[in-house]
């Protein structure tokens, strides 16, 4: 679910950037980046828990 939202914010950022809304694009990219890194950390923790189980 986090990856889905990260991709949504990335698409919003790309569309806003093309249309010239720089501020909205920057905020959307930041949110997408944060959500992606949260997803990545949780994914790595999930893999580690599965391996140690």
C-alpha atoms as a PDB file:
ATOM      1  CA  UNK A   1       0.000   0.000   0.000  1.00  0.00           C
ATOM      2  CA  UNK A   2       2.859   2.388   0.767  1.00  0.00           C
ATOM      3  CA  UNK A   3       4.426   1.703  -2.603  1.00  0.00           C
ATOM      4  CA  UNK A   4       1.103   2.476  -4.282  1.00  0.00           C
ATOM      5  CA  UNK A   5       0.885   5.863  -2.580  1.00  0.00           C
ATOM      6  CA  UNK A   6       4.522   6.624  -3.378  1.00  0.00           C
ATOM      7  CA  UNK A   7       3.814   5.983  -7.048  1.00  0.00           C
ATOM      8  CA  UNK A   8       0.663   8.143  -6.913  1.00  0.00           C
ATOM      9  CA  UNK A   9       2.612  11.075  -5.458  1.00  0.00           C
ATOM     10  CA  UNK A  10       5.348  10.553  -8.057  1.00  0.00           C
ATOM     11  CA  UNK A  11       2.807  10.743 -10.880  1.00  0.00           C
ATOM     12  CA  UNK A  12       1.264  13.864  -9.326  1.00  0.00           C
ATOM     13  CA  UNK A  13       4.730  15.408  -9.124  1.00  0.00           C
ATOM     14  CA  UNK A  14       5.477  14.608 -12.763  1.00  0.00           C
ATOM     15  CA  UNK A  15       2.179  16.076 -13.954  1.00  0.00           C
ATOM     16  CA  UNK A  16       2.594  19.182 -11.778  1.00  0.00           C
ATOM     17  CA  UNK A  17       6.152  19.626 -13.036  1.00  0.00           C
ATOM     18  CA  UNK A  18       5.066  19.427 -16.670  1.00  0.00           C
ATOM     19  CA  UNK A  19       2.285  21.940 -16.070  1.00  0.00           C
ATOM     20  CA  UNK A  20       4.658  24.346 -14.341  1.00  0.00           C
ATOM     21  CA  UNK A  21       3.550  24.026 -10.736  1.00  0.00           C
ATOM     22  CA  UNK A  22       7.022  23.811  -9.204  1.00  0.00           C
ATOM     23  CA  UNK A  23       6.031  24.049  -5.536  1.00  0.00           C
ATOM     24  CA  UNK A  24       3.454  21.287  -5.732  1.00  0.00           C
ATOM     25  CA  UNK A  25       5.871  19.132  -7.717  1.00  0.00           C
ATOM     26  CA  UNK A  26       8.615  19.538  -5.114  1.00  0.00           C
ATOM     27  CA  UNK A  27       6.315  18.664  -2.221  1.00  0.00           C
ATOM     28  CA  UNK A  28       4.920  15.648  -4.080  1.00  0.00           C
ATOM     29  CA  UNK A  29       8.407  14.365  -4.858  1.00  0.00           C
ATOM     30  CA  UNK A  30       9.411  14.742  -1.206  1.00  0.00           C
ATOM     31  CA  UNK A  31       6.334  12.835  -0.025  1.00  0.00           C
ATOM     32  CA  UNK A  32       6.894  10.107  -2.628  1.00  0.00           C
ATOM     33  CA  UNK A  33      10.549   9.778  -1.583  1.00  0.00           C
ATOM     34  CA  UNK A  34       9.655   9.505   2.122  1.00  0.00           C
ATOM     35  CA  UNK A  35       6.956   6.904   1.466  1.00  0.00           C
ATOM     36  CA  UNK A  36       9.295   4.893  -0.746  1.00  0.00           C
ATOM     37  CA  UNK A  37      12.029   4.798   1.902  1.00  0.00           C
ATOM     38  CA  UNK A  38       9.509   3.782   4.576  1.00  0.00           C
ATOM     39  CA  UNK A  39       8.340   0.994   2.260  1.00  0.00           C
ATOM     40  CA  UNK A  40      11.940  -0.061   1.634  1.00  0.00           C
ATOM     41  CA  UNK A  41      12.780  -0.225   5.351  1.00  0.00           C
ATOM     42  CA  UNK A  42       9.636  -2.207   6.154  1.00  0.00           C
ATOM     43  CA  UNK A  43      10.325  -4.554   3.239  1.00  0.00           C
ATOM     44  CA  UNK A  44      13.877  -5.235   4.438  1.00  0.00           C
ATOM     45  CA  UNK A  45      12.640  -5.835   7.992  1.00  0.00           C
ATOM     46  CA  UNK A  46      10.016  -8.227   6.626  1.00  0.00           C
ATOM     47  CA  UNK A  47      12.623 -10.178   4.666  1.00  0.00           C
ATOM     48  CA  UNK A  48      14.939 -10.329   7.700  1.00  0.00           C
ATOM     49  CA  UNK A  49      12.136 -11.586   9.944  1.00  0.00           C
ATOM     50  CA  UNK A  50      11.242 -14.239   7.376  1.00  0.00           C
ATOM     51  CA  UNK A  51      14.852 -15.421   7.113  1.00  0.00           C
ATOM     52  CA  UNK A  52      15.398 -15.635  10.877  1.00  0.00           C
ATOM     53  CA  UNK A  53      12.145 -17.470  11.439  1.00  0.00           C
END
